[in-house]
Amino acid sequence: MTYATDRIHEEIAYIAYHFHWSLEDVLDLEHRDRRRYAQEIASLVNRASAEG
């Protein structure tokens, strides 16, 4: 199973943008951890949007 390159770039940009981490820091994450951070950020962003 391969993971789409576009999806990896999207996750990296998303995490780096929200956490202000460098590319190297994000790339050092395991795939599972990177996905989890992206999901948690999305949850926080959605919650903040819903609260106004």
N, C-alpha and C. Protein backbone atom coordinates (compact mmCIF):
# COMPACT_ATOMS: atom_id res chain seq x y z
N MET A 1 0.86 -1.18 0.00
CA MET A 1 0.00 0.00 0.00
C MET A 1 0.90 1.24 0.00
N THR A 2 0.62 2.16 -0.89
CA THR A 2 1.39 3.40 -0.93
C THR A 2 0.53 4.54 -0.44
N TYR A 3 1.19 5.58 -0.01
CA TYR A 3 0.51 6.75 0.50
C TYR A 3 0.75 7.87 -0.49
N ALA A 4 -0.28 8.48 -0.98
CA ALA A 4 -0.18 9.48 -2.04
C ALA A 4 0.76 10.62 -1.65
N THR A 5 1.65 10.95 -2.55
CA THR A 5 2.60 12.03 -2.31
C THR A 5 1.89 13.34 -2.02
N ASP A 6 0.81 13.62 -2.74
CA ASP A 6 0.05 14.85 -2.49
C ASP A 6 -0.49 14.88 -1.06
N ARG A 7 -0.93 13.75 -0.57
CA ARG A 7 -1.47 13.67 0.79
C ARG A 7 -0.37 13.91 1.83
N ILE A 8 0.81 13.37 1.59
CA ILE A 8 1.93 13.58 2.51
C ILE A 8 2.28 15.06 2.57
N HIS A 9 2.36 15.70 1.41
CA HIS A 9 2.67 17.13 1.37
C HIS A 9 1.60 17.94 2.09
N GLU A 10 0.35 17.56 1.93
CA GLU A 10 -0.75 18.25 2.60
C GLU A 10 -0.62 18.13 4.11
N GLU A 11 -0.33 16.94 4.60
CA GLU A 11 -0.16 16.74 6.04
C GLU A 11 1.02 17.55 6.57
N ILE A 12 2.12 17.52 5.87
CA ILE A 12 3.31 18.26 6.30
C ILE A 12 3.02 19.75 6.38
N ALA A 13 2.39 20.29 5.34
CA ALA A 13 2.07 21.71 5.32
C ALA A 13 1.10 22.07 6.45
N TYR A 14 0.12 21.23 6.67
CA TYR A 14 -0.89 21.47 7.70
C TYR A 14 -0.27 21.52 9.09
N ILE A 15 0.56 20.53 9.40
CA ILE A 15 1.20 20.47 10.71
C ILE A 15 2.19 21.61 10.87
N ALA A 16 3.01 21.84 9.87
CA ALA A 16 4.01 22.91 9.94
C ALA A 16 3.34 24.26 10.13
N TYR A 17 2.26 24.50 9.42
CA TYR A 17 1.54 25.77 9.50
C TYR A 17 0.99 26.00 10.91
N HIS A 18 0.34 24.99 11.46
CA HIS A 18 -0.33 25.16 12.75
C HIS A 18 0.63 25.09 13.93
N PHE A 19 1.67 24.30 13.85
CA PHE A 19 2.61 24.16 14.97
C PHE A 19 3.87 24.99 14.78
N HIS A 20 4.04 25.56 13.60
CA HIS A 20 5.26 26.34 13.29
C HIS A 20 6.51 25.47 13.42
N TRP A 21 6.39 24.23 12.98
CA TRP A 21 7.51 23.30 12.99
C TRP A 21 8.22 23.37 11.65
N SER A 22 9.48 23.03 11.65
CA SER A 22 10.25 22.99 10.40
C SER A 22 9.88 21.74 9.60
N LEU A 23 10.24 21.77 8.34
CA LEU A 23 10.02 20.61 7.48
C LEU A 23 10.72 19.39 8.06
N GLU A 24 11.94 19.57 8.52
CA GLU A 24 12.71 18.46 9.07
C GLU A 24 12.02 17.85 10.29
N ASP A 25 11.47 18.71 11.15
CA ASP A 25 10.77 18.21 12.34
C ASP A 25 9.56 17.37 11.96
N VAL A 26 8.80 17.84 11.00
CA VAL A 26 7.61 17.10 10.59
C VAL A 26 8.00 15.80 9.89
N LEU A 27 9.02 15.85 9.06
CA LEU A 27 9.47 14.64 8.36
C LEU A 27 10.04 13.60 9.31
N ASP A 28 10.52 14.04 10.46
CA ASP A 28 11.05 13.09 11.45
C ASP A 28 9.95 12.27 12.13
N LEU A 29 8.71 12.71 12.01
CA LEU A 29 7.60 11.98 12.62
C LEU A 29 7.34 10.68 11.87
N GLU A 30 6.94 9.67 12.61
CA GLU A 30 6.45 8.44 11.98
C GLU A 30 5.13 8.76 11.28
N HIS A 31 4.81 8.00 10.26
CA HIS A 31 3.58 8.23 9.50
C HIS A 31 2.36 8.26 10.42
N ARG A 32 2.28 7.29 11.30
CA ARG A 32 1.14 7.19 12.23
C ARG A 32 1.03 8.44 13.10
N ASP A 33 2.16 8.93 13.59
CA ASP A 33 2.15 10.12 14.43
C ASP A 33 1.78 11.36 13.64
N ARG A 34 2.27 11.47 12.41
CA ARG A 34 1.94 12.62 11.56
C ARG A 34 0.45 12.67 11.27
N ARG A 35 -0.14 11.51 10.96
CA ARG A 35 -1.59 11.44 10.71
C ARG A 35 -2.35 11.85 11.96
N ARG A 36 -1.90 11.39 13.11
CA ARG A 36 -2.59 11.70 14.37
C ARG A 36 -2.54 13.20 14.65
N TYR A 37 -1.38 13.82 14.49
CA TYR A 37 -1.28 15.27 14.69
C TYR A 37 -2.21 16.01 13.73
N ALA A 38 -2.23 15.59 12.48
CA ALA A 38 -3.10 16.26 11.50
C ALA A 38 -4.57 16.12 11.91
N GLN A 39 -4.96 14.96 12.39
CA GLN A 39 -6.34 14.75 12.83
C GLN A 39 -6.67 15.59 14.06
N GLU A 40 -5.75 15.66 14.99
CA GLU A 40 -5.99 16.45 16.20
C GLU A 40 -6.07 17.95 15.89
N ILE A 41 -5.21 18.42 15.00
CA ILE A 41 -5.27 19.83 14.58
C ILE A 41 -6.62 20.11 13.95
N ALA A 42 -7.06 19.23 13.05
CA ALA A 42 -8.34 19.42 12.37
C ALA A 42 -9.48 19.47 13.38
N SER A 43 -9.42 18.63 14.40
CA SER A 43 -10.44 18.63 15.44
C SER A 43 -10.46 19.96 16.18
N LEU A 44 -9.29 20.46 16.54
CA LEU A 44 -9.21 21.75 17.23
C LEU A 44 -9.71 22.89 16.36
N VAL A 45 -9.35 22.89 15.10
CA VAL A 45 -9.78 23.94 14.17
C VAL A 45 -11.29 23.91 14.00
N ASN A 46 -11.84 22.70 13.84
CA ASN A 46 -13.29 22.57 13.67
C ASN A 46 -14.04 23.01 14.93
N ARG A 47 -13.52 22.65 16.08
CA ARG A 47 -14.15 23.04 17.34
C ARG A 47 -14.13 24.58 17.51
N ALA A 48 -12.99 25.18 17.19
CA ALA A 48 -12.87 26.64 17.29
C ALA A 48 -13.83 27.34 16.33
N SER A 49 -13.98 26.78 15.13
CA SER A 49 -14.90 27.37 14.16
C SER A 49 -16.34 27.27 14.63
N ALA A 50 -16.68 26.16 15.24
CA ALA A 50 -18.05 25.95 15.71
C ALA A 50 -18.38 26.87 16.90
N GLU A 51 -17.37 27.19 17.68
CA GLU A 51 -17.59 28.04 18.85
C GLU A 51 -17.65 29.51 18.49
N GLY A 52 -17.28 29.83 17.27
CA GLY A 52 -17.41 31.21 16.82
C GLY A 52 -16.15 31.91 16.78
